[in-house]
Amino acid sequence: MCIYTAQRSVLINVGRGDLVKNATIIKAIKHGWLGGAVLDVFEEEPLPADSELWRMPEVVITPHCSAVSLWDEVAELFAENLKLFLAGKEMKFVVDCEKGY
């Protein structure tokens, strides 16, 4: 992920857009209560082009087009990447911030 925090939490919302208000996320990041956010859903979809969230470097916006994920496969990949990370090795499926994906 391309979010850098100083021991602050990162909000990840891939569930329901109405769960957290956009204004609340923006306020929490600006006040330093959140280190950032990864958002796949929003109050209003699509997210309006003039939303401040688009311009915040602490926010990653995903396209809400993911495929079905099986929990056992996700857990297996997470565990494998954790082992690689702890061993100082390159993890699988790492996001390249320079390329944007």
PDB file of N, CA and C in Angstrom:
ATOM      1  N   MET A   1       0.825  -1.165   0.000  1.00  0.00           N
ATOM      2  CA  MET A   1       0.000   0.000   0.000  1.00  0.00           C
ATOM      3  C   MET A   1       0.880   1.242   0.000  1.00  0.00           C
ATOM      4  N   CYS A   2       0.387   2.317  -0.565  1.00  0.00           N
ATOM      5  CA  CYS A   2       1.166   3.541  -0.698  1.00  0.00           C
ATOM      6  C   CYS A   2       0.831   4.558   0.384  1.00  0.00           C
ATOM      7  N   ILE A   3       0.357   4.107   1.503  1.00  0.00           N
ATOM      8  CA  ILE A   3       0.028   5.014   2.601  1.00  0.00           C
ATOM      9  C   ILE A   3       1.120   4.871   3.651  1.00  0.00           C
ATOM     10  N   TYR A   4       1.675   5.996   4.063  1.00  0.00           N
ATOM     11  CA  TYR A   4       2.717   5.988   5.062  1.00  0.00           C
ATOM     12  C   TYR A   4       2.168   6.622   6.331  1.00  0.00           C
ATOM     13  N   THR A   5       2.245   5.934   7.439  1.00  0.00           N
ATOM     14  CA  THR A   5       1.699   6.454   8.683  1.00  0.00           C
ATOM     15  C   THR A   5       2.751   6.427   9.766  1.00  0.00           C
ATOM     16  N   ALA A   6       2.561   7.280  10.744  1.00  0.00           N
ATOM     17  CA  ALA A   6       3.429   7.304  11.912  1.00  0.00           C
ATOM     18  C   ALA A   6       2.647   6.679  13.060  1.00  0.00           C
ATOM     19  N   GLN A   7       2.516   5.367  13.038  1.00  0.00           N
ATOM     20  CA  GLN A   7       1.807   4.613  14.062  1.00  0.00           C
ATOM     21  C   GLN A   7       0.366   5.088  14.233  1.00  0.00           C
ATOM     22  N   ARG A   8      -0.292   5.361  13.108  1.00  0.00           N
ATOM     23  CA  ARG A   8      -1.712   5.712  13.139  1.00  0.00           C
ATOM     24  C   ARG A   8      -2.472   4.679  12.328  1.00  0.00           C
ATOM     25  N   SER A   9      -3.710   4.493  12.673  1.00  0.00           N
ATOM     26  CA  SER A   9      -4.545   3.505  11.993  1.00  0.00           C
ATOM     27  C   SER A   9      -4.910   3.951  10.591  1.00  0.00           C
ATOM     28  N   VAL A  10      -5.186   2.954   9.745  1.00  0.00           N
ATOM     29  CA  VAL A  10      -5.658   3.191   8.388  1.00  0.00           C
ATOM     30  C   VAL A  10      -7.037   2.549   8.278  1.00  0.00           C
ATOM     31  N   LEU A  11      -8.012   3.316   7.831  1.00  0.00           N
ATOM     32  CA  LEU A  11      -9.364   2.810   7.636  1.00  0.00           C
ATOM     33  C   LEU A  11      -9.455   2.128   6.278  1.00  0.00           C
ATOM     34  N   ILE A  12      -9.972   0.905   6.252  1.00  0.00           N
ATOM     35  CA  ILE A  12     -10.210   0.198   5.002  1.00  0.00           C
ATOM     36  C   ILE A  12     -11.699  -0.083   4.926  1.00  0.00           C
ATOM     37  N   ASN A  13     -12.369   0.448   3.900  1.00  0.00           N
ATOM     38  CA  ASN A  13     -13.807   0.208   3.728  1.00  0.00           C
ATOM     39  C   ASN A  13     -14.042  -0.391   2.348  1.00  0.00           C
ATOM     40  N   VAL A  14     -14.347  -1.673   2.343  1.00  0.00           N
ATOM     41  CA  VAL A  14     -14.692  -2.364   1.104  1.00  0.00           C
ATOM     42  C   VAL A  14     -16.105  -2.935   1.211  1.00  0.00           C
ATOM     43  N   GLY A  15     -16.833  -2.516   2.243  1.00  0.00           N
ATOM     44  CA  GLY A  15     -18.145  -3.095   2.520  1.00  0.00           C
ATOM     45  C   GLY A  15     -19.305  -2.288   2.011  1.00  0.00           C
ATOM     46  N   ARG A  16     -19.712  -1.317   2.800  1.00  0.00           N
ATOM     47  CA  ARG A  16     -20.878  -0.503   2.471  1.00  0.00           C
ATOM     48  C   ARG A  16     -20.470   0.965   2.466  1.00  0.00           C
ATOM     49  N   GLY A  17     -20.881   1.688   1.437  1.00  0.00           N
ATOM     50  CA  GLY A  17     -20.516   3.089   1.308  1.00  0.00           C
ATOM     51  C   GLY A  17     -21.111   3.985   2.365  1.00  0.00           C
ATOM     52  N   ASP A  18     -22.285   3.608   2.873  1.00  0.00           N
ATOM     53  CA  ASP A  18     -22.938   4.462   3.863  1.00  0.00           C
ATOM     54  C   ASP A  18     -22.483   4.174   5.295  1.00  0.00           C
ATOM     55  N   LEU A  19     -21.494   3.303   5.452  1.00  0.00           N
ATOM     56  CA  LEU A  19     -20.994   2.959   6.774  1.00  0.00           C
ATOM     57  C   LEU A  19     -20.261   4.128   7.431  1.00  0.00           C
ATOM     58  N   VAL A  20     -19.489   4.876   6.646  1.00  0.00           N
ATOM     59  CA  VAL A  20     -18.729   6.016   7.151  1.00  0.00           C
ATOM     60  C   VAL A  20     -18.923   7.188   6.192  1.00  0.00           C
ATOM     61  N   LYS A  21     -19.187   8.347   6.729  1.00  0.00           N
ATOM     62  CA  LYS A  21     -19.384   9.530   5.891  1.00  0.00           C
ATOM     63  C   LYS A  21     -18.046  10.048   5.372  1.00  0.00           C
ATOM     64  N   ASN A  22     -18.032  10.469   4.109  1.00  0.00           N
ATOM     65  CA  ASN A  22     -16.806  10.993   3.495  1.00  0.00           C
ATOM     66  C   ASN A  22     -16.230  12.149   4.302  1.00  0.00           C
ATOM     67  N   ALA A  23     -17.092  13.045   4.755  1.00  0.00           N
ATOM     68  CA  ALA A  23     -16.631  14.216   5.524  1.00  0.00           C
ATOM     69  C   ALA A  23     -15.933  13.785   6.811  1.00  0.00           C
ATOM     70  N   THR A  24     -16.399  12.700   7.418  1.00  0.00           N
ATOM     71  CA  THR A  24     -15.786  12.193   8.646  1.00  0.00           C
ATOM     72  C   THR A  24     -14.393  11.642   8.371  1.00  0.00           C
ATOM     73  N   ILE A  25     -14.238  10.943   7.258  1.00  0.00           N
ATOM     74  CA  ILE A  25     -12.925  10.407   6.879  1.00  0.00           C
ATOM     75  C   ILE A  25     -11.951  11.558   6.635  1.00  0.00           C
ATOM     76  N   ILE A  26     -12.378  12.549   5.881  1.00  0.00           N
ATOM     77  CA  ILE A  26     -11.537  13.705   5.570  1.00  0.00           C
ATOM     78  C   ILE A  26     -11.112  14.409   6.857  1.00  0.00           C
ATOM     79  N   LYS A  27     -12.061  14.645   7.753  1.00  0.00           N
ATOM     80  CA  LYS A  27     -11.769  15.325   9.018  1.00  0.00           C
ATOM     81  C   LYS A  27     -10.782  14.514   9.860  1.00  0.00           C
ATOM     82  N   ALA A  28     -10.991  13.201   9.933  1.00  0.00           N
ATOM     83  CA  ALA A  28     -10.118  12.348  10.750  1.00  0.00           C
ATOM     84  C   ALA A  28      -8.684  12.342  10.224  1.00  0.00           C
ATOM     85  N   ILE A  29      -8.527  12.342   8.911  1.00  0.00           N
ATOM     86  CA  ILE A  29      -7.173  12.364   8.332  1.00  0.00           C
ATOM     87  C   ILE A  29      -6.524  13.721   8.561  1.00  0.00           C
ATOM     88  N   LYS A  30      -7.272  14.791   8.328  1.00  0.00           N
ATOM     89  CA  LYS A  30      -6.716  16.145   8.515  1.00  0.00           C
ATOM     90  C   LYS A  30      -6.294  16.402   9.958  1.00  0.00           C
ATOM     91  N   HIS A  31      -7.028  15.837  10.920  1.00  0.00           N
ATOM     92  CA  HIS A  31      -6.692  16.028  12.331  1.00  0.00           C
ATOM     93  C   HIS A  31      -5.655  15.021  12.835  1.00  0.00           C
ATOM     94  N   GLY A  32      -5.256  14.083  11.984  1.00  0.00           N
ATOM     95  CA  GLY A  32      -4.262  13.111  12.379  1.00  0.00           C
ATOM     96  C   GLY A  32      -4.815  11.951  13.183  1.00  0.00           C
ATOM     97  N   TRP A  33      -6.141  11.839  13.255  1.00  0.00           N
ATOM     98  CA  TRP A  33      -6.755  10.723  13.982  1.00  0.00           C
ATOM     99  C   TRP A  33      -6.637   9.434  13.184  1.00  0.00           C
ATOM    100  N   LEU A  34      -6.547   9.556  11.876  1.00  0.00           N
ATOM    101  CA  LEU A  34      -6.328   8.428  10.975  1.00  0.00           C
ATOM    102  C   LEU A  34      -5.082   8.719  10.153  1.00  0.00           C
ATOM    103  N   GLY A  35      -4.302   7.688   9.899  1.00  0.00           N
ATOM    104  CA  GLY A  35      -3.127   7.860   9.054  1.00  0.00           C
ATOM    105  C   GLY A  35      -3.484   7.872   7.580  1.00  0.00           C
ATOM    106  N   GLY A  36      -4.643   7.316   7.248  1.00  0.00           N
ATOM    107  CA  GLY A  36      -5.073   7.271   5.860  1.00  0.00           C
ATOM    108  C   GLY A  36      -6.280   6.385   5.710  1.00  0.00           C
ATOM    109  N   ALA A  37      -6.661   6.159   4.459  1.00  0.00           N
ATOM    110  CA  ALA A  37      -7.832   5.328   4.187  1.00  0.00           C
ATOM    111  C   ALA A  37      -7.670   4.632   2.842  1.00  0.00           C
ATOM    112  N   VAL A  38      -8.185   3.421   2.772  1.00  0.00           N
ATOM    113  CA  VAL A  38      -8.289   2.675   1.523  1.00  0.00           C
ATOM    114  C   VAL A  38      -9.779   2.476   1.321  1.00  0.00           C
ATOM    115  N   LEU A  39     -10.306   3.070   0.250  1.00  0.00           N
ATOM    116  CA  LEU A  39     -11.754   3.112   0.057  1.00  0.00           C
ATOM    117  C   LEU A  39     -12.168   2.502  -1.265  1.00  0.00           C
ATOM    118  N   ASP A  40     -13.127   1.607  -1.189  1.00  0.00           N
ATOM    119  CA  ASP A  40     -13.661   0.935  -2.367  1.00  0.00           C
ATOM    120  C   ASP A  40     -15.136   1.298  -2.571  1.00  0.00           C
ATOM    121  N   VAL A  41     -15.752   1.868  -1.530  1.00  0.00           N
ATOM    122  CA  VAL A  41     -17.164   2.233  -1.562  1.00  0.00           C
ATOM    123  C   VAL A  41     -17.336   3.605  -0.912  1.00  0.00           C
ATOM    124  N   PHE A  42     -18.404   4.295  -1.314  1.00  0.00           N
ATOM    125  CA  PHE A  42     -18.613   5.667  -0.859  1.00  0.00           C
ATOM    126  C   PHE A  42     -20.093   5.940  -0.618  1.00  0.00           C
ATOM    127  N   GLU A  43     -20.364   7.036   0.090  1.00  0.00           N
ATOM    128  CA  GLU A  43     -21.753   7.453   0.313  1.00  0.00           C
ATOM    129  C   GLU A  43     -22.481   7.599  -1.017  1.00  0.00           C
ATOM    130  N   GLU A  44     -21.847   8.259  -1.952  1.00  0.00           N
ATOM    131  CA  GLU A  44     -22.401   8.484  -3.284  1.00  0.00           C
ATOM    132  C   GLU A  44     -21.473   7.810  -4.292  1.00  0.00           C
ATOM    133  N   GLU A  45     -22.047   6.945  -5.102  1.00  0.00           N
ATOM    134  CA  GLU A  45     -21.242   6.253  -6.115  1.00  0.00           C
ATOM    135  C   GLU A  45     -21.809   6.528  -7.501  1.00  0.00           C
ATOM    136  N   PRO A  46     -20.917   6.827  -8.433  1.00  0.00           N
ATOM    137  CA  PRO A  46     -19.469   6.926  -8.219  1.00  0.00           C
ATOM    138  C   PRO A  46     -19.112   8.155  -7.387  1.00  0.00           C
ATOM    139  N   LEU A  47     -17.927   8.110  -6.820  1.00  0.00           N
ATOM    140  CA  LEU A  47     -17.442   9.237  -6.030  1.00  0.00           C
ATOM    141  C   LEU A  47     -17.350  10.456  -6.937  1.00  0.00           C
ATOM    142  N   PRO A  48     -17.981  11.571  -6.547  1.00  0.00           N
ATOM    143  CA  PRO A  48     -17.947  12.767  -7.397  1.00  0.00           C
ATOM    144  C   PRO A  48     -16.514  13.212  -7.711  1.00  0.00           C
ATOM    145  N   ALA A  49     -16.302  13.689  -8.915  1.00  0.00           N
ATOM    146  CA  ALA A  49     -14.973  14.122  -9.371  1.00  0.00           C
ATOM    147  C   ALA A  49     -14.401  15.237  -8.507  1.00  0.00           C
ATOM    148  N   ASP A  50     -15.261  16.041  -7.885  1.00  0.00           N
ATOM    149  CA  ASP A  50     -14.781  17.161  -7.072  1.00  0.00           C
ATOM    150  C   ASP A  50     -14.573  16.784  -5.595  1.00  0.00           C
ATOM    151  N   SER A  51     -14.722  15.508  -5.256  1.00  0.00           N
ATOM    152  CA  SER A  51     -14.523  15.082  -3.873  1.00  0.00           C
ATOM    153  C   SER A  51     -13.079  15.312  -3.460  1.00  0.00           C
ATOM    154  N   GLU A  52     -12.901  15.839  -2.268  1.00  0.00           N
ATOM    155  CA  GLU A  52     -11.567  16.082  -1.724  1.00  0.00           C
ATOM    156  C   GLU A  52     -10.775  14.778  -1.549  1.00  0.00           C
ATOM    157  N   LEU A  53     -11.487  13.663  -1.395  1.00  0.00           N
ATOM    158  CA  LEU A  53     -10.809  12.379  -1.225  1.00  0.00           C
ATOM    159  C   LEU A  53      -9.878  12.061  -2.391  1.00  0.00           C
ATOM    160  N   TRP A  54     -10.246  12.451  -3.606  1.00  0.00           N
ATOM    161  CA  TRP A  54      -9.398  12.210  -4.779  1.00  0.00           C
ATOM    162  C   TRP A  54      -8.041  12.893  -4.653  1.00  0.00           C
ATOM    163  N   ARG A  55      -7.989  14.020  -3.955  1.00  0.00           N
ATOM    164  CA  ARG A  55      -6.771  14.825  -3.894  1.00  0.00           C
ATOM    165  C   ARG A  55      -5.924  14.566  -2.646  1.00  0.00           C
ATOM    166  N   MET A  56      -6.369  13.665  -1.794  1.00  0.00           N
ATOM    167  CA  MET A  56      -5.646  13.419  -0.544  1.00  0.00           C
ATOM    168  C   MET A  56      -4.627  12.295  -0.747  1.00  0.00           C
ATOM    169  N   PRO A  57      -3.332  12.587  -0.551  1.00  0.00           N
ATOM    170  CA  PRO A  57      -2.309  11.554  -0.753  1.00  0.00           C
ATOM    171  C   PRO A  57      -2.411  10.400   0.246  1.00  0.00           C
ATOM    172  N   GLU A  58      -3.111  10.607   1.348  1.00  0.00           N
ATOM    173  CA  GLU A  58      -3.263   9.556   2.358  1.00  0.00           C
ATOM    174  C   GLU A  58      -4.390   8.583   2.017  1.00  0.00           C
ATOM    175  N   VAL A  59      -5.076   8.837   0.912  1.00  0.00           N
ATOM    176  CA  VAL A  59      -6.232   8.024   0.535  1.00  0.00           C
ATOM    177  C   VAL A  59      -5.947   7.235  -0.740  1.00  0.00           C
ATOM    178  N   VAL A  60      -6.238   5.941  -0.687  1.00  0.00           N
ATOM    179  CA  VAL A  60      -6.165   5.084  -1.862  1.00  0.00           C
ATOM    180  C   VAL A  60      -7.599   4.734  -2.233  1.00  0.00           C
ATOM    181  N   ILE A  61      -7.956   4.980  -3.487  1.00  0.00           N
ATOM    182  CA  ILE A  61      -9.300   4.682  -3.974  1.00  0.00           C
ATOM    183  C   ILE A  61      -9.197   3.533  -4.965  1.00  0.00           C
ATOM    184  N   THR A  62      -9.964   2.488  -4.703  1.00  0.00           N
ATOM    185  CA  THR A  62      -9.955   1.324  -5.592  1.00  0.00           C
ATOM    186  C   THR A  62     -11.225   1.332  -6.449  1.00  0.00           C
ATOM    187  N   PRO A  63     -11.208   0.631  -7.576  1.00  0.00           N
ATOM    188  CA  PRO A  63     -12.284   0.746  -8.564  1.00  0.00           C
ATOM    189  C   PRO A  63     -13.553  -0.053  -8.303  1.00  0.00           C
ATOM    190  N   HIS A  64     -13.684  -0.710  -7.180  1.00  0.00           N
ATOM    191  CA  HIS A  64     -14.896  -1.464  -6.826  1.00  0.00           C
ATOM    192  C   HIS A  64     -15.276  -2.475  -7.911  1.00  0.00           C
ATOM    193  N   CYS A  65     -14.262  -3.196  -8.367  1.00  0.00           N
ATOM    194  CA  CYS A  65     -14.522  -4.215  -9.402  1.00  0.00           C
ATOM    195  C   CYS A  65     -13.762  -5.505  -9.090  1.00  0.00           C
ATOM    196  N   SER A  66     -13.630  -5.794  -7.825  1.00  0.00           N
ATOM    197  CA  SER A  66     -12.878  -6.994  -7.457  1.00  0.00           C
ATOM    198  C   SER A  66     -13.690  -8.249  -7.741  1.00  0.00           C
ATOM    199  N   ALA A  67     -12.983  -9.327  -7.832  1.00  0.00           N
ATOM    200  CA  ALA A  67     -13.618 -10.626  -8.084  1.00  0.00           C
ATOM    201  C   ALA A  67     -13.954 -11.293  -6.757  1.00  0.00           C
ATOM    202  N   VAL A  68     -14.616 -12.412  -6.838  1.00  0.00           N
ATOM    203  CA  VAL A  68     -14.936 -13.183  -5.644  1.00  0.00           C
ATOM    204  C   VAL A  68     -13.635 -13.661  -5.009  1.00  0.00           C
ATOM    205  N   SER A  69     -13.518 -13.470  -3.706  1.00  0.00           N
ATOM    206  CA  SER A  69     -12.335 -13.919  -2.970  1.00  0.00           C
ATOM    207  C   SER A  69     -12.762 -14.993  -1.984  1.00  0.00           C
ATOM    208  N   LEU A  70     -12.051 -16.079  -1.980  1.00  0.00           N
ATOM    209  CA  LEU A  70     -12.325 -17.159  -1.039  1.00  0.00           C
ATOM    210  C   LEU A  70     -11.452 -16.962   0.192  1.00  0.00           C
ATOM    211  N   TRP A  71     -12.073 -16.976   1.361  1.00  0.00           N
ATOM    212  CA  TRP A  71     -11.373 -16.656   2.600  1.00  0.00           C
ATOM    213  C   TRP A  71     -10.147 -17.523   2.840  1.00  0.00           C
ATOM    214  N   ASP A  72     -10.253 -18.805   2.526  1.00  0.00           N
ATOM    215  CA  ASP A  72      -9.098 -19.671   2.781  1.00  0.00           C
ATOM    216  C   ASP A  72      -7.927 -19.315   1.872  1.00  0.00           C
ATOM    217  N   GLU A  73      -8.216 -18.914   0.632  1.00  0.00           N
ATOM    218  CA  GLU A  73      -7.149 -18.509  -0.282  1.00  0.00           C
ATOM    219  C   GLU A  73      -6.537 -17.177   0.136  1.00  0.00           C
ATOM    220  N   VAL A  74      -7.377 -16.245   0.599  1.00  0.00           N
ATOM    221  CA  VAL A  74      -6.891 -14.949   1.061  1.00  0.00           C
ATOM    222  C   VAL A  74      -6.004 -15.152   2.290  1.00  0.00           C
ATOM    223  N   ALA A  75      -6.461 -15.966   3.229  1.00  0.00           N
ATOM    224  CA  ALA A  75      -5.688 -16.221   4.451  1.00  0.00           C
ATOM    225  C   ALA A  75      -4.357 -16.893   4.126  1.00  0.00           C
ATOM    226  N   GLU A  76      -4.380 -17.828   3.180  1.00  0.00           N
ATOM    227  CA  GLU A  76      -3.153 -18.526   2.787  1.00  0.00           C
ATOM    228  C   GLU A  76      -2.147 -17.555   2.170  1.00  0.00           C
ATOM    229  N   LEU A  77      -2.623 -16.678   1.282  1.00  0.00           N
ATOM    230  CA  LEU A  77      -1.736 -15.701   0.655  1.00  0.00           C
ATOM    231  C   LEU A  77      -1.200 -14.708   1.687  1.00  0.00           C
ATOM    232  N   PHE A  78      -2.062 -14.272   2.603  1.00  0.00           N
ATOM    233  CA  PHE A  78      -1.620 -13.353   3.650  1.00  0.00           C
ATOM    234  C   PHE A  78      -0.517 -13.994   4.487  1.00  0.00           C
ATOM    235  N   ALA A  79      -0.743 -15.238   4.894  1.00  0.00           N
ATOM    236  CA  ALA A  79       0.253 -15.934   5.716  1.00  0.00           C
ATOM    237  C   ALA A  79       1.572 -16.090   4.962  1.00  0.00           C
ATOM    238  N   GLU A  80       1.480 -16.416   3.682  1.00  0.00           N
ATOM    239  CA  GLU A  80       2.695 -16.572   2.873  1.00  0.00           C
ATOM    240  C   GLU A  80       3.433 -15.239   2.752  1.00  0.00           C
ATOM    241  N   ASN A  81       2.699 -14.163   2.492  1.00  0.00           N
ATOM    242  CA  ASN A  81       3.334 -12.848   2.384  1.00  0.00           C
ATOM    243  C   ASN A  81       3.922 -12.388   3.710  1.00  0.00           C
ATOM    244  N   LEU A  82       3.256 -12.718   4.794  1.00  0.00           N
ATOM    245  CA  LEU A  82       3.796 -12.360   6.106  1.00  0.00           C
ATOM    246  C   LEU A  82       5.131 -13.058   6.342  1.00  0.00           C
ATOM    247  N   LYS A  83       5.217 -14.333   6.009  1.00  0.00           N
ATOM    248  CA  LYS A  83       6.483 -15.068   6.150  1.00  0.00           C
ATOM    249  C   LYS A  83       7.578 -14.448   5.285  1.00  0.00           C
ATOM    250  N   LEU A  84       7.227 -14.097   4.040  1.00  0.00           N
ATOM    251  CA  LEU A  84       8.197 -13.470   3.144  1.00  0.00           C
ATOM    252  C   LEU A  84       8.660 -12.128   3.705  1.00  0.00           C
ATOM    253  N   PHE A  85       7.718 -11.326   4.181  1.00  0.00           N
ATOM    254  CA  PHE A  85       8.026 -10.012   4.748  1.00  0.00           C
ATOM    255  C   PHE A  85       8.968 -10.146   5.945  1.00  0.00           C
ATOM    256  N   LEU A  86       8.627 -11.036   6.854  1.00  0.00           N
ATOM    257  CA  LEU A  86       9.445 -11.221   8.062  1.00  0.00           C
ATOM    258  C   LEU A  86      10.838 -11.751   7.740  1.00  0.00           C
ATOM    259  N   ALA A  87      10.951 -12.464   6.618  1.00  0.00           N
ATOM    260  CA  ALA A  87      12.249 -12.988   6.185  1.00  0.00           C
ATOM    261  C   ALA A  87      13.022 -11.977   5.341  1.00  0.00           C
ATOM    262  N   GLY A  88      12.425 -10.807   5.123  1.00  0.00           N
ATOM    263  CA  GLY A  88      13.091  -9.780   4.326  1.00  0.00           C
ATOM    264  C   GLY A  88      13.100 -10.074   2.841  1.00  0.00           C
ATOM    265  N   LYS A  89      12.176 -10.921   2.394  1.00  0.00           N
ATOM    266  CA  LYS A  89      12.102 -11.295   0.984  1.00  0.00           C
ATOM    267  C   LYS A  89      10.965 -10.541   0.301  1.00  0.00           C
ATOM    268  N   GLU A  90      10.996 -10.557  -1.026  1.00  0.00           N
ATOM    269  CA  GLU A  90       9.966  -9.873  -1.802  1.00  0.00           C
ATOM    270  C   GLU A  90       8.628 -10.606  -1.679  1.00  0.00           C
ATOM    271  N   MET A  91       7.582  -9.848  -1.380  1.00  0.00           N
ATOM    272  CA  MET A  91       6.247 -10.436  -1.239  1.00  0.00           C
ATOM    273  C   MET A  91       5.579 -10.575  -2.602  1.00  0.00           C
ATOM    274  N   LYS A  92       4.527 -11.342  -2.642  1.00  0.00           N
ATOM    275  CA  LYS A  92       3.742 -11.534  -3.859  1.00  0.00           C
ATOM    276  C   LYS A  92       2.715 -10.414  -4.000  1.00  0.00           C
ATOM    277  N   PHE A  93       2.449 -10.019  -5.233  1.00  0.00           N
ATOM    278  CA  PHE A  93       1.386  -9.067  -5.566  1.00  0.00           C
ATOM    279  C   PHE A  93       1.539  -7.718  -4.867  1.00  0.00           C
ATOM    280  N   VAL A  94       2.754  -7.192  -4.852  1.00  0.00           N
ATOM    281  CA  VAL A  94       3.039  -5.907  -4.216  1.00  0.00           C
ATOM    282  C   VAL A  94       2.606  -4.774  -5.146  1.00  0.00           C
ATOM    283  N   VAL A  95       1.992  -3.757  -4.574  1.00  0.00           N
ATOM    284  CA  VAL A  95       1.575  -2.588  -5.340  1.00  0.00           C
ATOM    285  C   VAL A  95       2.797  -1.739  -5.671  1.00  0.00           C
ATOM    286  N   ASP A  96       2.928  -1.339  -6.908  1.00  0.00           N
ATOM    287  CA  ASP A  96       4.002  -0.450  -7.339  1.00  0.00           C
ATOM    288  C   ASP A  96       3.432   0.968  -7.371  1.00  0.00           C
ATOM    289  N   CYS A  97       3.779   1.763  -6.382  1.00  0.00           N
ATOM    290  CA  CYS A  97       3.217   3.123  -6.275  1.00  0.00           C
ATOM    291  C   CYS A  97       3.581   4.008  -7.462  1.00  0.00           C
ATOM    292  N   GLU A  98       4.745   3.787  -8.030  1.00  0.00           N
ATOM    293  CA  GLU A  98       5.159   4.574  -9.193  1.00  0.00           C
ATOM    294  C   GLU A  98       4.284   4.270 -10.410  1.00  0.00           C
ATOM    295  N   LYS A  99       3.896   3.009 -10.574  1.00  0.00           N
ATOM    296  CA  LYS A  99       3.059   2.621 -11.692  1.00  0.00           C
ATOM    297  C   LYS A  99       1.576   2.873 -11.409  1.00  0.00           C
ATOM    298  N   GLY A 100       1.233   2.970 -10.128  1.00  0.00           N
ATOM    299  CA  GLY A 100      -0.158   3.241  -9.762  1.00  0.00           C
ATOM    300  C   GLY A 100      -0.995   1.980  -9.614  1.00  0.00           C
ATOM    301  N   TYR A 101      -0.367   0.818  -9.607  1.00  0.00           N
ATOM    302  CA  TYR A 101      -1.117  -0.430  -9.398  1.00  0.00           C
ATOM    303  C   TYR A 101      -0.216  -1.497  -8.805  1.00  0.00           C
TER     304      TYR A 101
END
